[in-house]
Protein backbone atom coordinates (compact mmCIF):
# COMPACT_ATOMS: atom_id res chain seq x y z
CA MET A 1 13.66 67.17 -21.47
CA GLU A 2 12.59 63.60 -22.27
CA ASN A 3 15.24 61.53 -23.65
CA ILE A 4 14.17 59.56 -26.99
CA VAL A 5 16.95 56.89 -26.59
CA GLU A 6 19.44 56.57 -23.58
CA ILE A 7 22.40 54.48 -24.17
CA ASN A 8 24.54 53.72 -20.37
CA GLY A 9 27.79 51.83 -20.48
CA LEU A 10 27.52 50.72 -23.93
CA THR A 11 30.76 48.10 -24.95
CA LYS A 12 31.44 45.83 -28.16
CA LYS A 13 34.68 44.27 -28.37
CA TYR A 14 36.11 43.18 -31.54
CA ASP A 15 39.55 41.40 -32.41
CA ASP A 16 41.10 44.89 -33.61
CA PHE A 17 38.55 47.18 -31.86
CA THR A 18 36.70 47.99 -29.20
CA LEU A 19 33.72 50.48 -28.60
CA ASP A 20 34.34 51.41 -25.44
CA ASN A 21 32.14 52.61 -22.67
CA ILE A 22 29.46 54.85 -24.46
CA ASN A 23 27.08 56.96 -22.61
CA LEU A 24 24.61 58.84 -24.78
CA ASN A 25 21.21 60.27 -24.51
CA ILE A 26 19.40 62.14 -27.40
CA LYS A 27 16.46 64.39 -26.59
CA LYS A 28 13.10 63.86 -27.77
CA GLY A 29 12.10 66.77 -30.22
CA SER A 30 15.99 66.94 -31.51
CA ILE A 31 18.61 65.78 -34.35
CA MET A 32 21.75 64.06 -32.98
CA GLY A 33 24.75 63.93 -35.01
CA LEU A 34 26.99 61.66 -35.03
CA ILE A 35 30.52 62.42 -36.52
CA GLY A 36 33.81 61.02 -36.40
CA ALA A 37 36.43 59.22 -39.10
CA ASN A 38 35.90 55.81 -40.71
CA GLY A 39 35.97 53.13 -38.52
CA ALA A 40 35.56 55.47 -35.23
CA GLY A 41 32.64 53.43 -34.13
CA LYS A 42 29.31 55.31 -35.50
CA THR A 43 28.10 52.18 -37.55
CA THR A 44 28.81 50.58 -34.53
CA ILE A 45 26.69 52.27 -32.34
CA ILE A 46 23.49 51.98 -35.06
CA LYS A 47 23.85 48.43 -35.42
CA LEU A 48 24.02 47.88 -31.75
CA MET A 49 20.52 50.31 -31.56
CA LEU A 50 19.30 47.67 -33.95
CA ASN A 51 20.71 44.66 -32.18
CA SER A 52 22.00 43.58 -35.83
CA VAL A 53 25.14 42.65 -33.67
CA HIS A 54 25.15 42.25 -29.90
CA LYS A 55 26.63 44.15 -26.99
CA ASP A 56 29.20 42.74 -24.41
CA SER A 57 28.06 44.67 -21.78
CA GLY A 58 25.76 48.58 -21.51
CA ASP A 59 21.82 49.06 -21.61
CA ILE A 60 19.99 50.85 -24.59
CA LYS A 61 16.64 52.55 -24.11
CA ILE A 62 14.46 53.64 -26.98
CA PHE A 63 11.09 55.02 -26.33
CA GLY A 64 12.16 54.26 -22.42
CA MET A 65 11.94 50.22 -23.63
CA ASP A 66 15.59 47.85 -23.54
CA SER A 67 15.88 47.62 -27.09
CA PHE A 68 16.71 44.05 -26.83
CA GLU A 69 13.77 43.03 -24.79
CA SER A 70 11.39 45.14 -26.46
CA GLU A 71 12.79 44.86 -30.16
CA LYS A 72 9.69 43.91 -32.07
CA ASP A 73 7.82 46.99 -30.62
CA ILE A 74 10.57 49.66 -31.15
CA LYS A 75 11.15 48.87 -34.51
CA GLN A 76 7.50 49.95 -35.18
CA ASP A 77 8.45 53.03 -34.35
CA LEU A 78 11.52 53.52 -35.97
CA GLY A 79 12.90 54.59 -39.59
CA VAL A 80 16.06 53.04 -40.74
CA ILE A 81 18.34 54.13 -43.56
CA LEU A 82 21.33 51.62 -43.80
CA ASP A 83 23.46 51.29 -46.95
CA GLY A 84 21.90 49.24 -49.55
CA CYS A 85 18.29 48.24 -50.88
CA PHE A 86 15.80 46.53 -48.85
CA PHE A 87 13.42 45.55 -51.52
CA PHE A 88 13.88 43.63 -54.91
CA PHE A 89 15.28 45.56 -57.59
CA LEU A 90 12.79 43.98 -60.01
CA ILE A 91 9.50 45.10 -57.61
CA ARG A 92 7.56 48.12 -58.98
CA LEU A 93 7.07 51.49 -56.55
CA ASN A 94 3.29 50.94 -56.47
CA GLU A 95 3.80 47.55 -55.39
CA ILE A 96 5.54 48.37 -52.25
CA PRO A 97 2.94 48.86 -50.22
CA PHE A 98 1.45 45.69 -50.49
CA VAL A 99 4.73 44.64 -48.40
CA MET A 100 4.86 47.69 -46.12
CA LYS A 101 1.35 47.37 -44.85
CA ASN A 102 2.01 43.67 -43.62
CA THR A 103 4.71 45.36 -41.64
CA TYR A 104 4.00 48.36 -40.12
CA LYS A 105 1.04 48.33 -38.27
CA ASN A 106 0.65 52.54 -38.95
CA TRP A 107 1.59 51.98 -42.96
CA ASP A 108 -0.31 54.74 -44.94
CA THR A 109 -0.38 54.32 -47.61
CA ASP A 110 -2.26 57.59 -49.65
CA LEU A 111 1.32 59.22 -47.59
CA TYR A 112 3.66 56.87 -49.40
CA PHE A 113 2.01 57.89 -52.85
CA ASN A 114 1.92 61.47 -51.67
CA TYR A 115 5.83 61.27 -51.01
CA LEU A 116 6.44 59.54 -54.45
CA LYS A 117 4.56 62.64 -55.90
CA ARG A 118 6.76 65.12 -54.10
CA PHE A 119 9.29 63.01 -55.26
CA ASN A 120 8.36 62.72 -58.84
CA LEU A 121 8.97 59.15 -58.42
CA ASN A 122 6.82 57.24 -60.91
CA PRO A 123 5.28 54.95 -59.19
CA LYS A 124 5.23 52.11 -62.35
CA LYS A 125 8.76 52.57 -62.21
CA ARG A 126 10.94 49.49 -61.02
CA ILE A 127 13.57 50.05 -58.64
CA ARG A 128 16.52 49.03 -60.32
CA ASP A 129 15.47 51.60 -62.65
CA LEU A 130 16.63 54.77 -60.37
CA SER A 131 19.11 56.71 -59.83
CA THR A 132 21.09 56.87 -56.77
CA GLY A 133 19.34 59.96 -56.01
CA MET A 134 15.76 58.65 -56.54
CA LYS A 135 16.73 55.65 -54.61
CA MET A 136 17.64 57.55 -51.56
CA LYS A 137 14.08 59.51 -52.08
CA LEU A 138 12.31 55.95 -52.18
CA LYS A 139 13.83 55.27 -48.86
CA ILE A 140 12.78 58.44 -47.27
CA ALA A 141 9.31 58.14 -48.83
CA ILE A 142 8.94 54.57 -47.20
CA ILE A 143 10.41 55.03 -43.66
CA LEU A 144 8.47 58.42 -43.16
CA SER A 145 5.13 56.25 -44.16
CA HIS A 146 4.95 54.35 -41.59
CA ASN A 147 4.86 57.53 -39.53
CA PRO A 148 8.08 56.28 -37.15
CA LYS A 149 8.78 58.49 -34.31
CA LEU A 150 12.45 58.02 -34.87
CA LEU A 151 14.76 58.16 -37.91
CA VAL A 152 18.03 56.48 -37.76
CA LEU A 153 20.35 57.54 -40.62
CA ASP A 154 23.62 56.39 -41.67
CA GLU A 155 25.38 58.54 -44.31
CA CYS A 156 22.08 59.15 -45.94
CA THR A 157 23.08 61.77 -48.54
CA ASN A 158 26.24 60.19 -49.39
CA GLY A 159 26.90 60.72 -53.16
CA LEU A 160 23.97 63.15 -53.90
CA ASP A 161 24.28 66.29 -55.60
CA PRO A 162 23.80 69.20 -53.54
CA VAL A 163 20.23 70.44 -54.62
CA MET A 164 19.04 67.39 -53.46
CA ARG A 165 20.89 66.94 -50.40
CA ASN A 166 19.34 70.46 -49.87
CA GLU A 167 15.98 68.96 -50.06
CA MET A 168 16.76 65.65 -48.40
CA LEU A 169 17.55 68.03 -45.20
CA ASP A 170 14.45 70.26 -45.44
CA ILE A 171 12.77 67.10 -45.35
CA PHE A 172 14.44 65.54 -42.30
CA SER A 173 13.90 69.08 -40.63
CA GLU A 174 10.24 68.93 -41.49
CA PHE A 175 10.07 65.35 -39.63
CA VAL A 176 10.95 66.38 -36.06
CA ASP A 177 8.64 68.04 -33.72
CA GLU A 178 8.04 67.78 -29.75
CA GLU A 179 7.66 64.01 -29.96
CA LYS A 180 10.20 62.82 -32.93
CA SER A 181 13.69 62.52 -33.59
CA ILE A 182 16.68 61.78 -35.89
CA ILE A 183 20.39 60.46 -35.01
CA PHE A 184 22.11 61.12 -37.95
CA SER A 185 25.66 60.01 -38.50
CA THR A 186 27.73 61.00 -41.86
CA HIS A 187 30.53 62.46 -42.81
CA ILE A 188 29.37 65.71 -44.61
CA THR A 189 29.87 67.60 -41.48
CA SER A 190 28.34 70.64 -43.33
CA ASP A 191 24.39 69.13 -43.11
CA LEU A 192 24.75 68.56 -39.11
CA GLU A 193 26.06 72.30 -39.37
CA ARG A 194 22.48 73.24 -40.76
CA ILE A 195 20.04 70.68 -39.35
CA ALA A 196 21.71 69.15 -36.17
CA ASP A 197 20.83 70.38 -32.64
CA GLN A 198 22.82 68.28 -30.89
CA ILE A 199 26.67 67.04 -32.07
CA THR A 200 28.51 63.93 -30.82
CA PHE A 201 32.17 63.49 -31.82
CA ILE A 202 33.68 59.76 -31.71
CA SER A 203 37.10 58.48 -32.15
CA ASP A 204 38.10 55.49 -31.75
CA GLY A 205 35.38 53.61 -29.98
CA LYS A 206 35.07 56.73 -27.60
CA ILE A 207 33.12 59.28 -27.34
CA ILE A 208 35.62 62.86 -27.42
CA ILE A 209 32.88 65.52 -27.18
CA SER A 210 29.20 65.84 -26.82
CA ASP A 211 27.27 68.82 -26.75
CA ASP A 212 24.46 71.37 -28.29
CA LYS A 213 25.69 72.54 -31.40
CA ASP A 214 25.77 76.01 -30.70
CA ASN A 215 27.60 75.28 -27.68
CA LEU A 216 30.28 73.15 -29.69
CA LEU A 217 30.48 75.80 -32.34
CA ASN A 218 30.66 78.88 -29.85
CA ASN A 219 32.70 77.80 -27.40
CA TYR A 220 35.15 75.04 -28.35
CA GLN A 221 38.07 77.05 -30.30
CA ILE A 222 41.46 76.48 -32.76
CA VAL A 223 44.16 78.86 -31.77
CA LYS A 224 47.65 78.87 -33.73
CA CYS A 225 49.83 79.56 -31.95
CA GLY A 226 54.10 79.01 -31.56
CA LYS A 227 56.05 76.50 -29.45
CA ASP A 228 56.94 78.95 -27.16
CA GLU A 229 53.20 80.20 -26.28
CA LEU A 230 52.04 76.73 -25.68
CA GLY A 231 52.08 77.17 -21.88
CA ARG A 232 49.74 80.04 -21.61
CA PHE A 233 46.66 77.92 -21.93
CA ASN A 234 44.81 75.62 -19.26
CA LYS A 235 45.93 72.54 -19.93
CA GLU A 236 42.48 71.05 -18.72
CA ASP A 237 40.94 73.17 -21.62
CA ILE A 238 43.28 71.50 -24.26
CA LEU A 239 41.80 68.87 -25.75
CA ARG A 240 44.53 68.51 -28.77
CA VAL A 241 47.79 69.76 -30.59
CA LYS A 242 48.39 69.68 -33.99
CA GLU A 243 51.49 70.47 -35.10
CA ASN A 244 52.03 72.40 -38.43
CA LYS A 245 55.63 73.35 -40.46
CA ASP A 246 54.97 76.55 -39.08
CA ASN A 247 52.66 76.73 -35.69
CA PHE A 248 50.55 74.32 -33.64
CA GLU A 249 46.75 74.34 -34.04
CA VAL A 250 45.16 73.77 -30.43
CA LEU A 251 41.89 72.81 -30.14
CA LEU A 252 40.18 74.44 -27.01
CA LYS A 253 37.23 73.18 -25.21
CA ASN A 254 36.58 76.52 -22.97
CA GLY A 255 37.09 79.28 -25.38
CA GLY A 256 40.11 80.98 -26.45
CA ASN A 257 40.54 83.72 -29.27
CA GLY A 258 40.32 81.30 -32.09
CA ASN A 259 41.51 82.54 -35.54
CA SER A 260 38.33 82.06 -37.61
CA ARG A 261 34.74 80.25 -36.97
CA LEU A 262 35.08 77.33 -36.16
CA THR A 263 33.52 73.81 -38.35
CA LEU A 264 32.85 70.37 -37.36
CA GLU A 265 35.75 69.44 -40.10
CA ASP A 266 37.94 71.80 -38.01
CA ILE A 267 37.42 69.69 -34.68
CA MET A 268 37.62 66.83 -36.62
CA ILE A 269 41.16 67.25 -38.32
CA VAL A 270 42.90 68.81 -35.53
CA TYR A 271 41.95 66.05 -32.84
CA GLU A 272 42.73 63.39 -35.19
CA ARG A 273 45.98 64.45 -36.88
CA GLY A 274 47.28 66.40 -33.60
CA VAL A 275 48.41 64.44 -30.13
CA SER A 276 47.67 65.56 -26.11
CA LEU A 277 49.33 68.13 -25.02
CA GLU A 278 51.69 65.51 -23.27
CA GLY A 279 52.67 64.21 -27.04
CA ILE A 280 54.66 67.21 -27.49
CA ASN A 281 58.46 67.75 -26.88
CA LEU A 282 58.52 71.38 -24.92
């Protein structure tokens, strides 16, 4: 399957953090979920894709084009949701098309008002009068109404109640087809378990795991055992070992008899709070 995004050797250095040699492909017709602790590098990857910060090295291709050299053309087909609002709070919802039709060549005003109706948003309201959930619905209405091919979403379901989050996830699932994809960074890993096709787990600026979601949840395991049992595992399969009061939790990348169904949150917790096997005093 053709990739809609290809990232190779991407590096960005700050004084206290380095995004280190990131290699990542996002398939057409898929939803890629980015997970990781705060400061892991998820938002940095997105900012580099959007050229809001400059890379130190590496290549980013979106729609087969260099993200820097073809930035203007690429952004015509990107729908982006980041923190904050990109309109003055005094503007009314029915005034937004006057701005957007001069920004995006594929802007569809009729589609925009259809989304307002679907989301029960009053076109005569000002942005400042919308709740957090209503503002998020407005952002989604706007990005979908210029008919993008790729959605780039950073923590876009934070602060939404469960019912509204469920509605947003349905909309994102509806968006994806053979030519359209989503990259979705979030701390709410259960959202990704529901809709993502691929998962990339980032820790301290490095990709730890990047795999199909089903493969990740089915083939990676967390096994609880005693210290004297750690030697029974293949060392190459051990990603992390987390020491508890009464046992150890071992994160394995090639199966094993897990004690319960694995979740993305389980993987994050054991990895971030655990150590390598070499860090355990055997």
